[in-house]
């Protein structure tokens, strides 16, 4: 409410207080817009950036200690690793950045009907809140449910592999967090990608 400037009741005709899913940075709630669309609302945990500042301050000192250590510092860029992790962490905590990533990823696969990406509802987006199209599916690791639905696991694996080849070799922009919580399958065998907070980029020359 503080991020979007309106009460939950004003913004949504329905908002499920129990989260569908929860992770270290935030949690996801099912909701419905006044226009009838079913969505999910990703909400960041309160006070997260303050915790980041404390933890990263400690990690930086540890990285500097190892960097300057005569044995462990040789041939390793501990401070560089710390800086990379810090950058990725703050990017992942910015839901506006995640929304832009989702839009770019969806555009890249707009001509491939096998790949499904949730639409972003920008009217309900801020650095700490992100509203997305509700796209339920079967988790890629739920083999029993996939087979019970008559879906071919080998065909799904092939779609996933081809999607990653496309991202790495043609787009230079890839989903960098492909664990089973971020990949699901529709009843028609299409692959759904979720969570675009952590993306990788490859320069065209590479």
N, C-alpha and C. Protein backbone atom coordinates (compact mmCIF):
# COMPACT_ATOMS: atom_id res chain seq x y z
N UNK A 1 0.83 -1.21 0.00
CA UNK A 1 0.00 0.00 0.00
C UNK A 1 0.87 1.26 0.00
N UNK A 2 1.96 1.23 0.77
CA UNK A 2 2.84 2.41 0.81
C UNK A 2 3.55 2.60 -0.53
N UNK A 3 3.86 1.51 -1.22
CA UNK A 3 4.54 1.61 -2.51
C UNK A 3 3.62 2.08 -3.63
N UNK A 4 2.37 1.59 -3.63
CA UNK A 4 1.47 1.87 -4.75
C UNK A 4 0.48 2.99 -4.47
N UNK A 5 0.41 3.45 -3.22
CA UNK A 5 -0.39 4.62 -2.91
C UNK A 5 -1.88 4.40 -2.77
N UNK A 6 -2.33 3.15 -2.73
CA UNK A 6 -3.75 2.84 -2.54
C UNK A 6 -3.88 1.65 -1.60
N UNK A 7 -5.08 1.49 -1.06
CA UNK A 7 -5.32 0.34 -0.18
C UNK A 7 -5.47 -0.92 -1.03
N UNK A 8 -5.27 -2.08 -0.41
CA UNK A 8 -5.45 -3.36 -1.09
C UNK A 8 -6.87 -3.45 -1.67
N UNK A 9 -7.88 -2.99 -0.90
CA UNK A 9 -9.28 -3.06 -1.33
C UNK A 9 -9.54 -2.19 -2.57
N UNK A 10 -8.85 -1.06 -2.66
CA UNK A 10 -9.01 -0.18 -3.82
C UNK A 10 -8.38 -0.79 -5.08
N UNK A 11 -7.26 -1.48 -4.90
CA UNK A 11 -6.52 -2.00 -6.05
C UNK A 11 -7.04 -3.33 -6.56
N UNK A 12 -7.52 -4.18 -5.64
CA UNK A 12 -7.87 -5.55 -6.02
C UNK A 12 -9.29 -5.89 -5.55
N UNK A 13 -9.99 -6.66 -6.39
CA UNK A 13 -11.31 -7.13 -5.96
C UNK A 13 -11.16 -8.32 -5.01
N UNK A 14 -9.97 -8.94 -5.06
CA UNK A 14 -9.69 -10.08 -4.18
C UNK A 14 -8.18 -10.16 -3.99
N UNK A 15 -7.75 -10.42 -2.76
CA UNK A 15 -6.32 -10.58 -2.48
C UNK A 15 -6.16 -11.67 -1.42
N UNK A 16 -5.50 -12.77 -1.81
CA UNK A 16 -5.34 -13.91 -0.91
C UNK A 16 -4.22 -13.63 0.10
N UNK A 17 -4.54 -13.55 1.40
CA UNK A 17 -3.51 -13.21 2.39
C UNK A 17 -2.46 -14.30 2.60
N UNK A 18 -2.83 -15.56 2.32
CA UNK A 18 -1.87 -16.66 2.46
C UNK A 18 -1.09 -16.77 1.15
N UNK A 19 0.25 -16.70 1.21
CA UNK A 19 1.02 -16.72 -0.04
C UNK A 19 0.97 -18.05 -0.77
N UNK A 20 1.00 -17.96 -2.10
CA UNK A 20 1.11 -19.15 -2.95
C UNK A 20 2.49 -19.76 -2.81
N UNK A 21 3.50 -18.87 -2.70
CA UNK A 21 4.89 -19.29 -2.60
C UNK A 21 5.66 -18.24 -1.83
N UNK A 22 6.75 -18.68 -1.20
CA UNK A 22 7.59 -17.75 -0.44
C UNK A 22 9.05 -18.11 -0.66
N UNK A 23 9.90 -17.10 -0.68
CA UNK A 23 11.35 -17.30 -0.84
C UNK A 23 12.08 -16.31 0.05
N UNK A 24 13.40 -16.26 -0.09
CA UNK A 24 14.20 -15.44 0.83
C UNK A 24 13.95 -13.94 0.66
N UNK A 25 13.66 -13.49 -0.57
CA UNK A 25 13.50 -12.05 -0.81
C UNK A 25 12.05 -11.58 -0.70
N UNK A 26 11.10 -12.45 -0.98
CA UNK A 26 9.71 -12.02 -0.95
C UNK A 26 8.76 -13.19 -1.00
N UNK A 27 7.48 -12.87 -1.18
CA UNK A 27 6.47 -13.91 -1.32
C UNK A 27 5.42 -13.49 -2.34
N UNK A 28 4.68 -14.49 -2.84
CA UNK A 28 3.76 -14.28 -3.94
C UNK A 28 2.33 -14.59 -3.49
N UNK A 29 1.42 -13.64 -3.74
CA UNK A 29 0.02 -13.80 -3.35
C UNK A 29 -0.86 -13.78 -4.61
N UNK A 30 -1.88 -14.63 -4.61
CA UNK A 30 -2.85 -14.62 -5.70
C UNK A 30 -3.84 -13.47 -5.48
N UNK A 31 -4.24 -12.82 -6.55
CA UNK A 31 -5.19 -11.70 -6.43
C UNK A 31 -6.01 -11.60 -7.71
N UNK A 32 -7.02 -10.73 -7.67
CA UNK A 32 -7.83 -10.47 -8.86
C UNK A 32 -8.01 -8.97 -9.02
N UNK A 33 -7.85 -8.51 -10.25
CA UNK A 33 -8.04 -7.08 -10.54
C UNK A 33 -9.53 -6.77 -10.67
N UNK A 34 -9.91 -5.52 -10.47
CA UNK A 34 -11.32 -5.13 -10.66
C UNK A 34 -11.85 -5.47 -12.05
N UNK A 35 -10.94 -5.56 -13.03
CA UNK A 35 -11.33 -5.89 -14.41
C UNK A 35 -11.54 -7.39 -14.61
N UNK A 36 -11.24 -8.18 -13.57
CA UNK A 36 -11.50 -9.62 -13.63
C UNK A 36 -10.29 -10.50 -13.86
N UNK A 37 -9.15 -9.91 -14.27
CA UNK A 37 -7.96 -10.73 -14.53
C UNK A 37 -7.40 -11.31 -13.25
N UNK A 38 -7.04 -12.58 -13.28
CA UNK A 38 -6.37 -13.22 -12.16
C UNK A 38 -4.87 -12.97 -12.27
N UNK A 39 -4.28 -12.53 -11.18
CA UNK A 39 -2.86 -12.18 -11.19
C UNK A 39 -2.18 -12.76 -9.94
N UNK A 40 -0.86 -12.63 -9.91
CA UNK A 40 -0.11 -12.87 -8.68
C UNK A 40 0.64 -11.58 -8.35
N UNK A 41 0.76 -11.31 -7.06
CA UNK A 41 1.44 -10.09 -6.60
C UNK A 41 2.65 -10.51 -5.78
N UNK A 42 3.81 -10.15 -6.28
CA UNK A 42 5.06 -10.46 -5.60
C UNK A 42 5.38 -9.30 -4.67
N UNK A 43 5.56 -9.58 -3.38
CA UNK A 43 5.77 -8.55 -2.37
C UNK A 43 7.10 -8.82 -1.66
N UNK A 44 7.94 -7.80 -1.64
CA UNK A 44 9.25 -7.96 -0.99
C UNK A 44 9.14 -7.92 0.53
N UNK A 45 10.00 -8.67 1.18
CA UNK A 45 9.99 -8.69 2.65
C UNK A 45 10.39 -7.32 3.20
N UNK A 46 9.72 -6.85 4.24
CA UNK A 46 10.06 -5.54 4.82
C UNK A 46 11.47 -5.54 5.41
N UNK A 47 12.15 -4.40 5.27
CA UNK A 47 13.47 -4.24 5.88
C UNK A 47 14.58 -5.01 5.21
N UNK A 48 14.32 -5.51 3.99
CA UNK A 48 15.29 -6.36 3.31
C UNK A 48 16.60 -5.64 3.01
N UNK A 49 16.51 -4.41 2.52
CA UNK A 49 17.71 -3.68 2.12
C UNK A 49 18.60 -3.34 3.32
N UNK A 50 17.99 -3.14 4.49
CA UNK A 50 18.79 -2.91 5.70
C UNK A 50 19.58 -4.16 6.07
N UNK A 51 18.94 -5.33 5.93
CA UNK A 51 19.64 -6.59 6.18
C UNK A 51 20.77 -6.79 5.18
N UNK A 52 20.50 -6.45 3.92
CA UNK A 52 21.54 -6.55 2.88
C UNK A 52 22.77 -5.74 3.29
N UNK A 53 22.54 -4.50 3.72
CA UNK A 53 23.65 -3.61 4.06
C UNK A 53 24.50 -4.20 5.18
N UNK A 54 23.85 -4.79 6.19
CA UNK A 54 24.59 -5.39 7.31
C UNK A 54 25.39 -6.60 6.83
N UNK A 55 24.71 -7.53 6.14
CA UNK A 55 25.36 -8.77 5.70
C UNK A 55 26.48 -8.49 4.69
N UNK A 56 26.23 -7.57 3.77
CA UNK A 56 27.25 -7.27 2.76
C UNK A 56 28.47 -6.58 3.36
N UNK A 57 28.24 -5.78 4.40
CA UNK A 57 29.36 -5.15 5.10
C UNK A 57 30.28 -6.19 5.71
N UNK A 58 29.68 -7.23 6.31
CA UNK A 58 30.46 -8.32 6.91
C UNK A 58 31.18 -9.12 5.81
N UNK A 59 30.45 -9.44 4.75
CA UNK A 59 31.04 -10.22 3.65
C UNK A 59 32.21 -9.49 3.00
N UNK A 60 32.10 -8.16 2.88
CA UNK A 60 33.19 -7.39 2.25
C UNK A 60 34.46 -7.51 3.08
N UNK A 61 34.33 -7.43 4.40
CA UNK A 61 35.52 -7.55 5.26
C UNK A 61 36.14 -8.95 5.15
N UNK A 62 35.29 -9.99 5.05
CA UNK A 62 35.79 -11.35 4.89
C UNK A 62 36.53 -11.48 3.54
N UNK A 63 35.92 -10.92 2.47
CA UNK A 63 36.54 -10.97 1.14
C UNK A 63 37.89 -10.26 1.15
N UNK A 64 37.95 -9.09 1.80
CA UNK A 64 39.21 -8.33 1.87
C UNK A 64 40.27 -9.09 2.66
N UNK A 65 39.84 -9.78 3.73
CA UNK A 65 40.78 -10.58 4.54
C UNK A 65 41.41 -11.68 3.67
N UNK A 66 40.58 -12.42 2.94
CA UNK A 66 41.10 -13.50 2.11
C UNK A 66 41.92 -12.96 0.94
N UNK A 67 41.53 -11.79 0.40
CA UNK A 67 42.27 -11.20 -0.71
C UNK A 67 43.71 -10.88 -0.30
N UNK A 68 43.86 -10.42 0.94
CA UNK A 68 45.18 -10.02 1.44
C UNK A 68 45.94 -11.16 2.12
N UNK A 69 45.31 -12.34 2.18
CA UNK A 69 45.96 -13.49 2.83
C UNK A 69 47.05 -14.05 1.92
N UNK A 70 48.26 -14.28 2.45
CA UNK A 70 49.37 -14.74 1.60
C UNK A 70 49.11 -16.08 0.91
N UNK A 71 48.34 -16.96 1.55
CA UNK A 71 48.07 -18.28 0.97
C UNK A 71 46.78 -18.28 0.14
N UNK A 72 45.66 -17.81 0.72
CA UNK A 72 44.36 -17.92 0.07
C UNK A 72 44.09 -16.81 -0.96
N UNK A 73 44.82 -15.73 -0.88
CA UNK A 73 44.58 -14.62 -1.80
C UNK A 73 45.23 -14.79 -3.15
N UNK A 74 46.21 -15.67 -3.25
CA UNK A 74 46.97 -15.82 -4.48
C UNK A 74 46.11 -16.40 -5.61
N UNK A 75 46.02 -15.69 -6.71
CA UNK A 75 45.30 -16.18 -7.89
C UNK A 75 43.79 -16.12 -7.81
N UNK A 76 43.25 -15.50 -6.77
CA UNK A 76 41.79 -15.41 -6.64
C UNK A 76 41.36 -13.96 -6.39
N UNK A 77 40.28 -13.58 -7.03
CA UNK A 77 39.75 -12.22 -6.86
C UNK A 77 38.55 -12.27 -5.92
N UNK A 78 38.83 -12.42 -4.62
CA UNK A 78 37.75 -12.52 -3.62
C UNK A 78 36.88 -11.26 -3.60
N UNK A 79 37.50 -10.10 -3.70
CA UNK A 79 36.74 -8.84 -3.68
C UNK A 79 35.88 -8.73 -4.95
N UNK A 80 36.42 -9.20 -6.07
CA UNK A 80 35.65 -9.20 -7.31
C UNK A 80 34.42 -10.10 -7.23
N UNK A 81 34.58 -11.27 -6.60
CA UNK A 81 33.45 -12.18 -6.39
C UNK A 81 32.40 -11.52 -5.51
N UNK A 82 32.88 -10.86 -4.44
CA UNK A 82 31.95 -10.14 -3.55
C UNK A 82 31.18 -9.07 -4.32
N UNK A 83 31.88 -8.27 -5.13
CA UNK A 83 31.24 -7.19 -5.88
C UNK A 83 30.19 -7.73 -6.85
N UNK A 84 30.51 -8.86 -7.51
CA UNK A 84 29.57 -9.49 -8.44
C UNK A 84 28.30 -9.94 -7.70
N UNK A 85 28.49 -10.59 -6.55
CA UNK A 85 27.35 -11.06 -5.76
C UNK A 85 26.50 -9.88 -5.27
N UNK A 86 27.18 -8.81 -4.85
CA UNK A 86 26.47 -7.61 -4.37
C UNK A 86 25.61 -7.02 -5.48
N UNK A 87 26.18 -6.89 -6.68
CA UNK A 87 25.45 -6.33 -7.82
C UNK A 87 24.21 -7.15 -8.14
N UNK A 88 24.39 -8.49 -8.22
CA UNK A 88 23.28 -9.39 -8.56
C UNK A 88 22.19 -9.32 -7.51
N UNK A 89 22.60 -9.27 -6.24
CA UNK A 89 21.64 -9.24 -5.13
C UNK A 89 20.75 -7.99 -5.20
N UNK A 90 21.37 -6.82 -5.43
CA UNK A 90 20.59 -5.58 -5.51
C UNK A 90 19.72 -5.54 -6.76
N UNK A 91 20.21 -6.13 -7.86
CA UNK A 91 19.38 -6.20 -9.07
C UNK A 91 18.14 -7.06 -8.81
N UNK A 92 18.36 -8.18 -8.10
CA UNK A 92 17.25 -9.09 -7.82
C UNK A 92 16.23 -8.47 -6.86
N UNK A 93 16.67 -7.55 -6.03
CA UNK A 93 15.78 -6.91 -5.07
C UNK A 93 14.99 -5.75 -5.69
N UNK A 94 15.28 -5.40 -6.94
CA UNK A 94 14.58 -4.32 -7.63
C UNK A 94 13.54 -4.94 -8.57
N UNK A 95 12.28 -4.92 -8.14
CA UNK A 95 11.24 -5.59 -8.92
C UNK A 95 10.91 -4.85 -10.23
N UNK A 96 11.24 -3.57 -10.33
CA UNK A 96 11.06 -2.87 -11.60
C UNK A 96 12.03 -3.45 -12.63
N UNK A 97 13.25 -3.74 -12.18
CA UNK A 97 14.25 -4.37 -13.04
C UNK A 97 13.76 -5.75 -13.49
N UNK A 98 13.16 -6.50 -12.55
CA UNK A 98 12.63 -7.82 -12.88
C UNK A 98 11.51 -7.71 -13.92
N UNK A 99 10.65 -6.71 -13.76
CA UNK A 99 9.56 -6.51 -14.72
C UNK A 99 10.09 -6.22 -16.11
N UNK A 100 11.11 -5.36 -16.21
CA UNK A 100 11.72 -5.07 -17.51
C UNK A 100 12.34 -6.33 -18.12
N UNK A 101 12.99 -7.13 -17.28
CA UNK A 101 13.58 -8.38 -17.75
C UNK A 101 12.51 -9.32 -18.31
N UNK A 102 11.38 -9.43 -17.59
CA UNK A 102 10.28 -10.30 -18.03
C UNK A 102 9.74 -9.84 -19.38
N UNK A 103 9.58 -8.52 -19.55
CA UNK A 103 9.09 -7.98 -20.82
C UNK A 103 10.06 -8.30 -21.96
N UNK A 104 11.37 -8.12 -21.70
CA UNK A 104 12.37 -8.39 -22.73
C UNK A 104 12.40 -9.87 -23.09
N UNK A 105 12.31 -10.73 -22.08
CA UNK A 105 12.33 -12.18 -22.29
C UNK A 105 11.10 -12.61 -23.10
N UNK A 106 9.94 -12.04 -22.77
CA UNK A 106 8.71 -12.39 -23.50
C UNK A 106 8.81 -11.93 -24.96
N UNK A 107 9.36 -10.73 -25.18
CA UNK A 107 9.54 -10.25 -26.56
C UNK A 107 10.46 -11.19 -27.36
N UNK A 108 11.53 -11.65 -26.70
CA UNK A 108 12.48 -12.53 -27.39
C UNK A 108 11.84 -13.85 -27.84
N UNK A 109 10.83 -14.30 -27.11
CA UNK A 109 10.18 -15.58 -27.44
C UNK A 109 8.77 -15.39 -28.00
N UNK A 110 8.49 -14.19 -28.50
CA UNK A 110 7.13 -13.90 -28.97
C UNK A 110 6.70 -14.80 -30.14
N UNK A 111 7.65 -15.31 -30.90
CA UNK A 111 7.31 -16.16 -32.05
C UNK A 111 7.41 -17.65 -31.74
N UNK A 112 7.70 -17.99 -30.49
CA UNK A 112 7.81 -19.40 -30.09
C UNK A 112 6.67 -19.72 -29.13
N UNK A 113 5.66 -20.40 -29.62
CA UNK A 113 4.46 -20.68 -28.82
C UNK A 113 4.70 -21.72 -27.74
N UNK A 114 5.86 -22.36 -27.76
CA UNK A 114 6.17 -23.37 -26.74
C UNK A 114 6.63 -22.75 -25.43
N UNK A 115 7.01 -21.46 -25.47
CA UNK A 115 7.55 -20.76 -24.30
C UNK A 115 6.53 -19.73 -23.83
N UNK A 116 6.16 -19.80 -22.55
CA UNK A 116 5.15 -18.90 -21.98
C UNK A 116 5.82 -18.05 -20.90
N UNK A 117 5.56 -16.74 -20.97
CA UNK A 117 6.13 -15.79 -20.00
C UNK A 117 4.99 -14.92 -19.46
N UNK A 118 4.86 -14.79 -18.14
CA UNK A 118 3.76 -13.98 -17.60
C UNK A 118 3.88 -12.50 -17.97
N UNK A 119 2.74 -11.91 -18.26
CA UNK A 119 2.67 -10.48 -18.56
C UNK A 119 2.79 -9.67 -17.27
N UNK A 120 3.46 -8.51 -17.35
CA UNK A 120 3.61 -7.61 -16.20
C UNK A 120 2.49 -6.57 -16.23
N UNK A 121 1.88 -6.33 -15.06
CA UNK A 121 0.86 -5.28 -14.92
C UNK A 121 1.55 -4.06 -14.29
N UNK A 122 2.02 -3.16 -15.16
CA UNK A 122 2.89 -2.07 -14.70
C UNK A 122 2.18 -1.08 -13.78
N UNK A 123 0.86 -1.03 -13.84
CA UNK A 123 0.13 -0.12 -12.94
C UNK A 123 0.31 -0.55 -11.47
N UNK A 124 0.63 -1.81 -11.28
CA UNK A 124 0.79 -2.36 -9.92
C UNK A 124 2.24 -2.82 -9.71
N UNK A 125 3.17 -1.95 -10.07
CA UNK A 125 4.59 -2.31 -9.96
C UNK A 125 5.38 -1.19 -9.29
N UNK A 126 6.33 -1.58 -8.48
CA UNK A 126 7.28 -0.66 -7.86
C UNK A 126 8.56 -1.45 -7.58
N UNK A 127 9.51 -0.83 -6.91
CA UNK A 127 10.75 -1.54 -6.60
C UNK A 127 10.51 -2.74 -5.67
N UNK A 128 9.41 -2.70 -4.89
CA UNK A 128 9.16 -3.77 -3.91
C UNK A 128 7.89 -4.56 -4.16
N UNK A 129 7.15 -4.22 -5.21
CA UNK A 129 5.89 -4.91 -5.53
C UNK A 129 5.84 -5.15 -7.04
N UNK A 130 5.41 -6.35 -7.43
CA UNK A 130 5.30 -6.64 -8.86
C UNK A 130 4.07 -7.52 -9.10
N UNK A 131 3.18 -7.04 -9.96
CA UNK A 131 1.98 -7.80 -10.32
C UNK A 131 2.19 -8.46 -11.68
N UNK A 132 1.90 -9.77 -11.71
CA UNK A 132 2.12 -10.56 -12.92
C UNK A 132 0.88 -11.38 -13.25
N UNK A 133 0.75 -11.71 -14.51
CA UNK A 133 -0.31 -12.60 -14.97
C UNK A 133 -0.22 -13.94 -14.22
N UNK A 134 -1.36 -14.47 -13.81
CA UNK A 134 -1.40 -15.75 -13.11
C UNK A 134 -1.34 -16.87 -14.15
N UNK A 135 -0.24 -17.61 -14.14
CA UNK A 135 -0.05 -18.70 -15.09
C UNK A 135 0.31 -19.97 -14.32
N UNK A 136 -0.69 -20.72 -13.87
CA UNK A 136 -0.39 -21.95 -13.13
C UNK A 136 0.12 -23.04 -14.05
N UNK A 137 0.93 -23.94 -13.51
CA UNK A 137 1.45 -25.05 -14.29
C UNK A 137 1.96 -26.14 -13.38
N UNK A 138 2.40 -27.24 -13.98
CA UNK A 138 2.98 -28.35 -13.23
C UNK A 138 4.48 -28.11 -13.12
N UNK A 139 5.00 -28.18 -11.91
CA UNK A 139 6.44 -27.99 -11.69
C UNK A 139 7.23 -29.01 -12.51
N UNK A 140 8.33 -28.58 -13.15
CA UNK A 140 9.08 -29.48 -14.03
C UNK A 140 9.63 -30.70 -13.29
N UNK A 141 9.81 -30.59 -11.99
CA UNK A 141 10.35 -31.71 -11.21
C UNK A 141 9.27 -32.66 -10.70
N UNK A 142 8.00 -32.33 -10.96
CA UNK A 142 6.90 -33.20 -10.51
C UNK A 142 6.60 -34.24 -11.60
N UNK A 143 7.46 -35.25 -11.67
CA UNK A 143 7.38 -36.25 -12.75
C UNK A 143 6.05 -36.98 -12.76
N UNK A 144 5.56 -37.34 -11.57
CA UNK A 144 4.30 -38.10 -11.49
C UNK A 144 3.14 -37.30 -12.08
N UNK A 145 3.07 -36.00 -11.73
CA UNK A 145 1.98 -35.16 -12.24
C UNK A 145 2.10 -34.95 -13.74
N UNK A 146 3.33 -34.81 -14.24
CA UNK A 146 3.53 -34.64 -15.69
C UNK A 146 3.06 -35.88 -16.44
N UNK A 147 3.44 -37.05 -15.94
CA UNK A 147 3.06 -38.29 -16.62
C UNK A 147 1.56 -38.57 -16.48
N UNK A 148 0.99 -38.20 -15.32
CA UNK A 148 -0.46 -38.38 -15.12
C UNK A 148 -1.26 -37.48 -16.08
N UNK A 149 -0.65 -36.35 -16.47
CA UNK A 149 -1.31 -35.44 -17.42
C UNK A 149 -1.07 -35.84 -18.87
N UNK A 150 -0.33 -36.94 -19.06
CA UNK A 150 -0.07 -37.42 -20.42
C UNK A 150 0.99 -36.62 -21.15
N UNK A 151 1.85 -35.92 -20.40
CA UNK A 151 2.89 -35.08 -21.01
C UNK A 151 4.18 -35.88 -21.18
N UNK A 152 4.87 -35.63 -22.29
CA UNK A 152 6.11 -36.32 -22.62
C UNK A 152 7.28 -35.57 -22.00
N UNK A 153 7.91 -36.17 -20.98
CA UNK A 153 9.01 -35.49 -20.29
C UNK A 153 10.20 -35.23 -21.21
N UNK A 154 10.45 -36.16 -22.15
CA UNK A 154 11.57 -35.96 -23.09
C UNK A 154 11.32 -34.76 -23.99
N UNK A 155 10.08 -34.59 -24.41
CA UNK A 155 9.72 -33.45 -25.27
C UNK A 155 9.88 -32.14 -24.50
N UNK A 156 9.49 -32.16 -23.21
CA UNK A 156 9.63 -30.96 -22.37
C UNK A 156 11.10 -30.62 -22.17
N UNK A 157 11.92 -31.66 -21.92
CA UNK A 157 13.36 -31.45 -21.74
C UNK A 157 13.97 -30.86 -23.01
N UNK A 158 13.50 -31.32 -24.16
CA UNK A 158 14.02 -30.80 -25.44
C UNK A 158 13.65 -29.32 -25.62
N UNK A 159 12.41 -28.99 -25.27
CA UNK A 159 11.98 -27.57 -25.35
C UNK A 159 12.87 -26.71 -24.46
N UNK A 160 13.12 -27.20 -23.23
CA UNK A 160 13.97 -26.45 -22.30
C UNK A 160 15.38 -26.26 -22.83
N UNK A 161 15.96 -27.34 -23.39
CA UNK A 161 17.31 -27.26 -23.93
C UNK A 161 17.38 -26.30 -25.12
N UNK A 162 16.38 -26.40 -26.01
CA UNK A 162 16.36 -25.52 -27.18
C UNK A 162 16.14 -24.07 -26.78
N UNK A 163 15.32 -23.87 -25.74
CA UNK A 163 15.08 -22.50 -25.25
C UNK A 163 16.37 -21.88 -24.72
N UNK A 164 17.17 -22.70 -24.02
CA UNK A 164 18.43 -22.17 -23.49
C UNK A 164 19.46 -21.93 -24.59
N UNK A 165 19.50 -22.79 -25.60
CA UNK A 165 20.40 -22.55 -26.74
C UNK A 165 20.02 -21.23 -27.43
N UNK A 166 18.72 -21.02 -27.56
CA UNK A 166 18.23 -19.78 -28.17
C UNK A 166 18.66 -18.56 -27.35
N UNK A 167 18.48 -18.65 -26.02
CA UNK A 167 18.86 -17.54 -25.14
C UNK A 167 20.36 -17.25 -25.21
N UNK A 168 21.17 -18.32 -25.14
CA UNK A 168 22.62 -18.15 -25.06
C UNK A 168 23.23 -17.76 -26.39
N UNK A 169 22.77 -18.37 -27.50
CA UNK A 169 23.43 -18.18 -28.78
C UNK A 169 22.83 -17.06 -29.63
N UNK A 170 21.53 -16.79 -29.47
CA UNK A 170 20.89 -15.79 -30.31
C UNK A 170 20.50 -14.52 -29.58
N UNK A 171 19.97 -14.66 -28.36
CA UNK A 171 19.51 -13.47 -27.64
C UNK A 171 20.62 -12.78 -26.85
N UNK A 172 21.57 -13.57 -26.33
CA UNK A 172 22.59 -13.00 -25.44
C UNK A 172 21.98 -12.51 -24.13
N UNK A 173 20.85 -13.07 -23.77
CA UNK A 173 20.10 -12.66 -22.58
C UNK A 173 19.39 -13.90 -22.06
N UNK A 174 19.82 -14.39 -20.89
CA UNK A 174 19.31 -15.68 -20.45
C UNK A 174 18.86 -15.68 -19.00
N UNK A 175 17.88 -16.54 -18.73
CA UNK A 175 17.35 -16.76 -17.38
C UNK A 175 18.43 -17.48 -16.58
N UNK A 176 18.92 -16.85 -15.51
CA UNK A 176 20.08 -17.37 -14.79
C UNK A 176 19.73 -18.12 -13.50
N UNK A 177 18.44 -18.42 -13.32
CA UNK A 177 18.03 -19.08 -12.07
C UNK A 177 16.98 -20.17 -12.38
N UNK A 178 17.37 -21.18 -13.19
CA UNK A 178 16.37 -22.14 -13.68
C UNK A 178 16.12 -23.33 -12.76
N UNK A 179 15.85 -23.08 -11.48
CA UNK A 179 15.52 -24.19 -10.58
C UNK A 179 14.05 -24.58 -10.77
N UNK A 180 13.62 -25.76 -10.24
CA UNK A 180 12.25 -26.23 -10.50
C UNK A 180 11.14 -25.29 -10.05
N UNK A 181 11.42 -24.41 -9.09
CA UNK A 181 10.40 -23.44 -8.68
C UNK A 181 10.14 -22.37 -9.72
N UNK A 182 11.06 -22.23 -10.68
CA UNK A 182 10.93 -21.18 -11.69
C UNK A 182 10.57 -21.71 -13.08
N UNK A 183 10.30 -23.00 -13.17
CA UNK A 183 9.93 -23.60 -14.45
C UNK A 183 8.72 -24.52 -14.26
N UNK A 184 7.71 -24.33 -15.09
CA UNK A 184 6.51 -25.17 -14.99
C UNK A 184 6.03 -25.51 -16.40
N UNK A 185 5.09 -26.43 -16.48
CA UNK A 185 4.59 -26.91 -17.76
C UNK A 185 3.07 -26.77 -17.79
N UNK A 186 2.54 -26.27 -18.89
CA UNK A 186 1.08 -26.17 -19.05
C UNK A 186 0.52 -27.53 -19.41
N UNK A 187 -0.80 -27.65 -19.39
CA UNK A 187 -1.46 -28.89 -19.78
C UNK A 187 -1.22 -29.26 -21.23
N UNK A 188 -0.80 -28.27 -22.05
CA UNK A 188 -0.53 -28.52 -23.48
C UNK A 188 0.95 -28.79 -23.74
N UNK A 189 1.77 -28.84 -22.67
CA UNK A 189 3.19 -29.13 -22.85
C UNK A 189 4.06 -27.92 -23.12
N UNK A 190 3.52 -26.71 -22.93
CA UNK A 190 4.34 -25.51 -23.10
C UNK A 190 5.15 -25.27 -21.81
N UNK A 191 6.30 -24.64 -21.95
CA UNK A 191 7.18 -24.38 -20.82
C UNK A 191 6.96 -22.95 -20.32
N UNK A 192 6.66 -22.83 -19.02
CA UNK A 192 6.45 -21.51 -18.42
C UNK A 192 7.70 -21.13 -17.64
N UNK A 193 8.20 -19.92 -17.89
CA UNK A 193 9.31 -19.37 -17.10
C UNK A 193 8.75 -18.37 -16.10
N UNK A 194 9.23 -18.44 -14.85
CA UNK A 194 8.88 -17.47 -13.81
C UNK A 194 10.16 -16.82 -13.28
N UNK A 195 9.99 -15.69 -12.61
CA UNK A 195 11.04 -15.04 -11.82
C UNK A 195 12.24 -14.60 -12.66
N UNK A 196 12.23 -13.33 -13.05
CA UNK A 196 13.26 -12.79 -13.93
C UNK A 196 14.18 -11.81 -13.20
N UNK A 197 14.34 -12.05 -11.88
CA UNK A 197 15.20 -11.18 -11.09
C UNK A 197 16.67 -11.39 -11.37
N UNK A 198 17.05 -12.61 -11.76
CA UNK A 198 18.45 -12.91 -12.01
C UNK A 198 18.62 -13.35 -13.47
N UNK A 199 19.17 -12.45 -14.27
CA UNK A 199 19.38 -12.72 -15.69
C UNK A 199 20.85 -12.57 -16.03
N UNK A 200 21.28 -13.28 -17.08
CA UNK A 200 22.66 -13.15 -17.55
C UNK A 200 22.69 -12.53 -18.93
N UNK A 201 23.80 -11.87 -19.23
CA UNK A 201 23.97 -11.25 -20.54
C UNK A 201 25.30 -11.67 -21.14
N UNK A 202 25.28 -11.91 -22.44
CA UNK A 202 26.49 -12.28 -23.16
C UNK A 202 26.65 -11.29 -24.33
N UNK A 203 27.81 -10.69 -24.46
CA UNK A 203 28.04 -9.75 -25.55
C UNK A 203 28.03 -10.49 -26.88
N UNK A 204 27.57 -9.81 -27.93
CA UNK A 204 27.44 -10.45 -29.24
C UNK A 204 28.79 -10.95 -29.75
N UNK A 205 29.87 -10.27 -29.41
CA UNK A 205 31.20 -10.70 -29.87
C UNK A 205 31.57 -12.06 -29.28
N UNK A 206 31.09 -12.33 -28.06
CA UNK A 206 31.34 -13.62 -27.42
C UNK A 206 30.51 -14.71 -28.07
